[in-house]
Protein backbone atom coordinates (compact mmCIF):
# COMPACT_ATOMS: atom_id res chain seq x y z
CA UNK A 1 49.34 170.88 91.64
CA UNK A 2 47.60 171.36 88.31
CA UNK A 3 44.51 173.46 87.69
CA UNK A 4 42.99 170.24 86.36
CA UNK A 5 43.01 168.86 89.90
CA UNK A 6 40.14 171.24 90.66
CA UNK A 7 38.02 170.16 87.69
CA UNK A 8 35.03 167.93 88.38
CA UNK A 9 33.07 166.01 85.75
CA UNK A 10 29.41 165.78 86.71
CA UNK A 11 27.08 163.32 84.94
CA UNK A 12 23.39 163.87 85.60
CA UNK A 13 21.44 160.59 85.57
CA UNK A 14 23.76 158.60 83.27
CA UNK A 15 21.85 155.61 81.93
CA UNK A 16 24.55 153.24 80.69
CA UNK A 17 27.43 151.86 82.79
CA UNK A 18 29.53 151.57 79.63
CA UNK A 19 29.24 155.32 79.12
CA UNK A 20 30.32 155.91 82.70
CA UNK A 21 33.38 153.73 82.04
CA UNK A 22 34.16 155.57 78.80
CA UNK A 23 33.95 158.90 80.63
CA UNK A 24 36.37 157.58 83.27
CA UNK A 25 38.80 156.60 80.50
CA UNK A 26 38.55 160.08 78.96
CA UNK A 27 39.24 161.63 82.36
CA UNK A 28 42.31 159.46 82.83
CA UNK A 29 43.58 160.42 79.36
CA UNK A 30 43.21 164.13 80.07
CA UNK A 31 44.43 164.26 83.67
CA UNK A 32 41.12 164.94 85.46
CA UNK A 33 40.30 162.80 88.48
CA UNK A 34 37.05 163.94 90.10
CA UNK A 35 33.85 162.28 88.90
CA UNK A 36 30.49 163.11 90.44
CA UNK A 37 27.35 161.18 89.51
CA UNK A 38 23.80 162.41 90.05
CA UNK A 39 21.30 159.53 90.40
CA UNK A 40 23.22 157.20 88.09
CA UNK A 41 22.05 153.86 86.76
CA UNK A 42 23.17 150.99 88.96
CA UNK A 43 26.68 149.98 87.97
CA UNK A 44 29.51 147.72 89.10
CA UNK A 45 32.72 149.68 89.83
CA UNK A 46 34.83 146.63 89.04
CA UNK A 47 33.27 146.42 85.58
CA UNK A 48 34.00 150.10 85.02
CA UNK A 49 37.64 149.38 85.82
CA UNK A 50 37.68 146.47 83.39
CA UNK A 51 36.38 148.69 80.58
CA UNK A 52 38.56 151.67 81.53
CA UNK A 53 41.91 150.07 82.30
CA UNK A 54 44.14 151.40 85.07
CA UNK A 55 41.57 153.85 86.47
CA UNK A 56 41.13 152.61 90.03
CA UNK A 57 42.32 155.97 91.35
CA UNK A 58 39.31 157.63 89.71
CA UNK A 59 36.72 154.88 90.19
CA UNK A 60 37.47 154.50 93.90
CA UNK A 61 36.83 158.21 94.48
CA UNK A 62 33.55 158.62 92.56
CA UNK A 63 30.97 160.58 94.56
CA UNK A 64 27.20 160.21 94.27
CA UNK A 65 24.59 162.91 94.75
CA UNK A 66 20.81 163.14 94.79
CA UNK A 67 20.67 166.35 92.75
CA UNK A 68 22.74 168.58 90.51
CA UNK A 69 22.56 171.37 93.08
CA UNK A 70 24.25 169.12 95.63
CA UNK A 71 26.85 167.95 93.11
CA UNK A 72 28.03 171.48 92.27
CA UNK A 73 27.33 173.15 95.61
CA UNK A 74 31.04 173.76 96.34
CA UNK A 75 31.95 174.80 92.78
CA UNK A 76 32.92 178.39 92.02
CA UNK A 77 32.32 177.93 88.29
CA UNK A 78 30.13 175.42 86.44
CA UNK A 79 29.62 174.89 82.72
CA UNK A 80 26.64 172.96 81.38
CA UNK A 81 26.87 171.23 78.01
CA UNK A 82 23.99 171.00 75.56
CA UNK A 83 23.64 170.01 71.91
CA UNK A 84 20.23 171.64 71.41
CA UNK A 85 19.26 175.25 70.81
CA UNK A 86 16.86 176.29 73.56
CA UNK A 87 14.19 179.00 73.76
CA UNK A 88 16.08 180.55 76.65
CA UNK A 89 18.46 183.22 75.40
CA UNK A 90 21.63 181.87 76.93
CA UNK A 91 24.88 182.93 75.31
CA UNK A 92 26.35 179.75 73.92
CA UNK A 93 30.12 179.29 73.97
CA UNK A 94 32.42 176.56 72.68
CA UNK A 95 34.54 174.22 74.84
CA UNK A 96 37.62 176.20 73.76
CA UNK A 97 36.03 179.50 74.78
CA UNK A 98 35.16 178.29 78.25
CA UNK A 99 38.44 176.50 79.03
CA UNK A 100 40.54 179.53 80.03
CA UNK A 101 37.97 181.23 82.29
CA UNK A 102 37.20 177.91 83.93
CA UNK A 103 40.84 177.22 84.72
CA UNK A 104 41.25 180.77 86.01
CA UNK A 105 38.33 180.21 88.36
CA UNK A 106 39.90 176.92 89.49
CA UNK A 107 42.47 178.96 91.43
CA UNK A 108 39.65 179.82 93.87
CA UNK A 109 37.99 176.43 94.26
CA UNK A 110 36.44 173.45 92.47
CA UNK A 111 34.97 173.95 89.01
CA UNK A 112 32.62 171.63 87.13
CA UNK A 113 31.56 170.61 83.68
CA UNK A 114 28.20 168.87 83.73
CA UNK A 115 26.32 166.74 81.22
CA UNK A 116 22.81 165.35 81.03
CA UNK A 117 21.18 162.03 80.27
CA UNK A 118 22.08 160.22 77.08
CA UNK A 119 18.50 160.38 75.78
CA UNK A 120 17.59 164.04 76.22
CA UNK A 121 20.49 165.87 77.83
CA UNK A 122 20.13 168.54 80.49
CA UNK A 123 16.87 170.21 81.42
CA UNK A 124 16.47 173.98 81.19
CA UNK A 125 16.36 174.06 84.97
CA UNK A 126 19.74 172.34 85.11
CA UNK A 127 21.24 174.74 82.60
CA UNK A 128 19.99 177.62 84.76
CA UNK A 129 22.69 176.53 87.23
CA UNK A 130 25.48 177.07 84.67
CA UNK A 131 27.82 180.03 84.65
CA UNK A 132 28.39 179.16 80.99
CA UNK A 133 26.26 177.13 78.58
CA UNK A 134 28.50 175.25 76.20
CA UNK A 135 27.77 173.64 72.85
CA UNK A 136 30.23 171.61 70.81
CA UNK A 137 30.48 172.75 67.18
CA UNK A 138 29.31 169.96 64.85
CA UNK A 139 27.63 169.42 61.51
CA UNK A 140 23.83 169.41 61.19
CA UNK A 141 23.92 166.17 63.19
CA UNK A 142 24.83 167.48 66.66
CA UNK A 143 24.18 164.36 68.73
CA UNK A 144 27.35 163.09 70.38
CA UNK A 145 27.91 160.09 72.58
CA UNK A 146 28.21 161.19 76.22
CA UNK A 147 31.84 160.13 76.54
CA UNK A 148 32.73 161.82 73.25
CA UNK A 149 31.34 165.11 74.51
CA UNK A 150 33.20 164.77 77.80
CA UNK A 151 36.45 163.96 75.99
CA UNK A 152 36.17 167.06 73.79
CA UNK A 153 35.51 169.27 76.82
CA UNK A 154 38.42 167.78 78.75
CA UNK A 155 40.73 167.99 75.76
CA UNK A 156 40.25 171.75 75.57
CA UNK A 157 40.83 172.09 79.31
CA UNK A 158 43.90 169.89 79.03
CA UNK A 159 45.37 172.06 76.29
CA UNK A 160 44.54 175.29 78.12
CA UNK A 161 46.27 173.93 81.24
CA UNK A 162 49.35 173.02 79.18
CA UNK A 163 49.31 169.63 80.87
CA UNK A 164 50.38 167.40 77.97
CA UNK A 165 53.20 164.95 78.49
CA UNK A 166 56.45 165.53 76.65
CA UNK A 167 57.13 162.85 74.08
CA UNK A 168 60.59 161.34 74.27
CA UNK A 169 62.79 161.79 71.18
CA UNK A 170 63.58 158.74 69.01
CA UNK A 171 65.86 156.30 70.80
CA UNK A 172 68.42 156.55 68.01
CA UNK A 173 68.09 160.09 66.76
CA UNK A 174 70.32 160.79 63.75
CA UNK A 175 72.14 164.08 63.08
CA UNK A 176 71.22 166.24 60.09
CA UNK A 177 72.65 165.17 56.74
CA UNK A 178 75.88 166.95 55.89
CA UNK A 179 76.52 168.71 52.60
CA UNK A 180 78.98 165.95 51.67
CA UNK A 181 76.39 163.23 52.33
CA UNK A 182 73.81 165.08 50.28
CA UNK A 183 76.21 165.47 47.37
CA UNK A 184 77.08 161.76 47.41
CA UNK A 185 73.37 160.98 47.32
CA UNK A 186 72.76 163.33 44.37
CA UNK A 187 75.67 161.76 42.48
CA UNK A 188 74.43 158.21 42.96
CA UNK A 189 70.80 159.20 42.33
CA UNK A 190 71.90 160.71 39.01
CA UNK A 191 73.66 157.44 38.08
CA UNK A 192 70.56 155.43 38.95
CA UNK A 193 68.26 157.66 36.90
CA UNK A 194 70.66 157.48 33.96
CA UNK A 195 70.83 153.70 34.27
CA UNK A 196 67.07 153.40 33.75
CA UNK A 197 67.12 155.92 30.85
CA UNK A 198 65.09 158.41 32.86
CA UNK A 199 66.70 161.33 31.03
CA UNK A 200 65.94 159.94 27.58
CA UNK A 201 62.80 162.07 27.29
CA UNK A 202 63.39 164.54 30.12
CA UNK A 203 65.66 167.51 30.69
CA UNK A 204 68.40 166.21 32.98
CA UNK A 205 69.28 169.60 34.43
CA UNK A 206 65.67 170.42 35.36
CA UNK A 207 65.06 166.96 36.84
CA UNK A 208 68.15 167.11 39.03
CA UNK A 209 67.36 170.64 40.17
CA UNK A 210 63.86 169.52 41.19
CA UNK A 211 65.33 166.50 42.99
CA UNK A 212 67.66 168.76 44.95
CA UNK A 213 64.86 171.18 45.83
CA UNK A 214 62.57 168.36 46.99
CA UNK A 215 65.35 166.80 49.09
CA UNK A 216 66.23 170.07 50.81
CA UNK A 217 62.56 170.73 51.64
CA UNK A 218 62.20 167.25 53.10
CA UNK A 219 65.31 167.85 55.28
CA UNK A 220 66.29 164.17 55.64
CA UNK A 221 68.64 163.30 58.47
CA UNK A 222 71.96 161.50 57.97
CA UNK A 223 70.48 158.02 58.32
CA UNK A 224 67.65 158.76 55.88
CA UNK A 225 69.89 160.25 53.20
CA UNK A 226 72.26 157.27 53.47
CA UNK A 227 69.27 154.98 52.98
CA UNK A 228 68.21 156.88 49.85
CA UNK A 229 71.77 156.71 48.52
CA UNK A 230 71.89 152.96 49.17
CA UNK A 231 68.69 152.52 47.17
CA UNK A 232 70.19 154.43 44.22
CA UNK A 233 73.40 152.39 44.38
CA UNK A 234 71.44 149.12 44.49
CA UNK A 235 69.43 150.13 41.40
CA UNK A 236 72.67 150.48 39.41
CA UNK A 237 74.03 147.20 40.80
CA UNK A 238 70.82 145.31 40.03
CA UNK A 239 70.83 146.55 36.45
CA UNK A 240 74.46 145.52 36.15
CA UNK A 241 73.70 142.01 37.40
CA UNK A 242 70.77 141.70 35.05
CA UNK A 243 72.94 142.77 32.10
CA UNK A 244 75.66 140.32 33.01
CA UNK A 245 73.14 137.51 33.30
CA UNK A 246 71.64 138.36 29.93
CA UNK A 247 75.06 138.37 28.30
CA UNK A 248 75.88 134.99 29.85
CA UNK A 249 72.72 133.44 28.51
CA UNK A 250 73.37 134.79 25.02
CA UNK A 251 76.71 133.05 24.86
């Protein structure tokens, strides 16, 4: 069981079915499954699934309520999101600030994040129901799409819950480059630079020292350093072929 299993997303009077679908997709991405809708616009669940692929587990369990009070009645912690500064002197916190206390409260029961209508957000009366009033830091243009706001809130909860999947390593991971491989590369890189007269107007010792320093900082693996060496070798070979061709034409 994850603490995210106790998190509910509550949308108060959502007006656009596409936004509902986008919220469902965000929930699926971040591992939250409970969606509660308060007086939503009429929508087709099958269309929501078409927009938000592979989300039947969420869409089939959506619950509808007549009021926000009913939607959060069983919640032990609820956070309301707003983009506007209000006259009420609520202490505003960020999604990151509220994530840890919300997940801590989730050990005792359901918790909720709730959002208002797309056109004017939550009413003051709705925000009075919030244990925490949350605003998402933005520029001077604070208006976010509903699903964007939900995704940001869920992202912070997801990180706080340490619920991210572990990415598999590359299928053909190469070992680190050995000192011998690195030295062969530096030798052939030096030959290539000399072949194109790179040192004609540059200090060879300083150039090669910088090349070594850059290479060590980049920490290429064995496959990558062999690729770089092959490039250097091919430069010398190509110049040799071009010289031979030019000599043949002159005779």
